[in-house]
């Protein structure tokens, strides 16, 4: 888990040769911030210090209201040009003062956004580095400055970062969800589903930015490394990437007690909010809970102290 130090993406420069970085000569002479036509609409990026970037691009619909605890749904199309020059909200969580990679945006449930960096004016197909942040699956986001992809972009890479749901928003099971069966049996690991959805978005859209959809490397640290393990074995992510890098991650034990049933843990949490039963009314009540009540004090700092509460992590 992330504790006191974080290796910024810029520190990975030593290994970029293995990804086949594009020649820096393959650039237009006077680069300008691009308008890129994505599948959902046009985005307008920024140009700074030899790097073009697009931030806050929706790769899925906001997982709010009836989409809380649903697999990610397609992002809505928009008309006109969408400004993509600033990070959007990181996913809902409880930040803590000693975080080595403090967030640059306020957390919110509306958080499923991606960010793209590339060397300014590059015209060749660029190898793509897909970054998955750590944080114990309860904290983290794409906005911390240490996770900027600008330094690697200057070396000829296209870098993509994104947000995925955390804590009880990202990992939750309950009999009411099972009874509703809204996603044809796919339930529980919503944060990992977000990662797959982000990879699918990259596969479909990255060529429009100048990236090579046949040359994608996924890389993650801590919980991000554990996520890479999961993506390597999941049938949902097959064919979405070519290489994988795991940094201080594994799919072994998470902290806290075990429980044989994630749904049992979900029921225990619901009971703390006065919600009982497994019918549609119970599910409606769960989805109506204010976000801070769903968080209920859960964060990485508390996990290290054994203060999990009723919570089922992705890898019990």
Foldseek 3Di string as FASTA:
>chain_A
DQDQADQFPLNCLVPCVVLPFDDPVQFDPDFDFDFFQAPQGTETWHDDPQKTKFEFAALFDQCAQVNQFPATHGHHHDDDYHYGYDHDAAADADDDDSGNQDAPHHHDSRFWIKMKMAGTGRQAAAAEEEEDEDFLQHDDGCHGPSHDCHSVRVVRHMYMYTHFHGFCSQFAAALLCVVVCPPVPDGGRNRLSSVLSVLVSCLRGVVSVRHDQARYEYEYAAVSLCSQVVLVPDPSNPPSHDYYYHHNYHLDDFFADDDPDRNVLNQQLLVVVVADDRHPVSVSVVSPDPSCSSNVVDGSVVSVVRNHRSTDRPRD
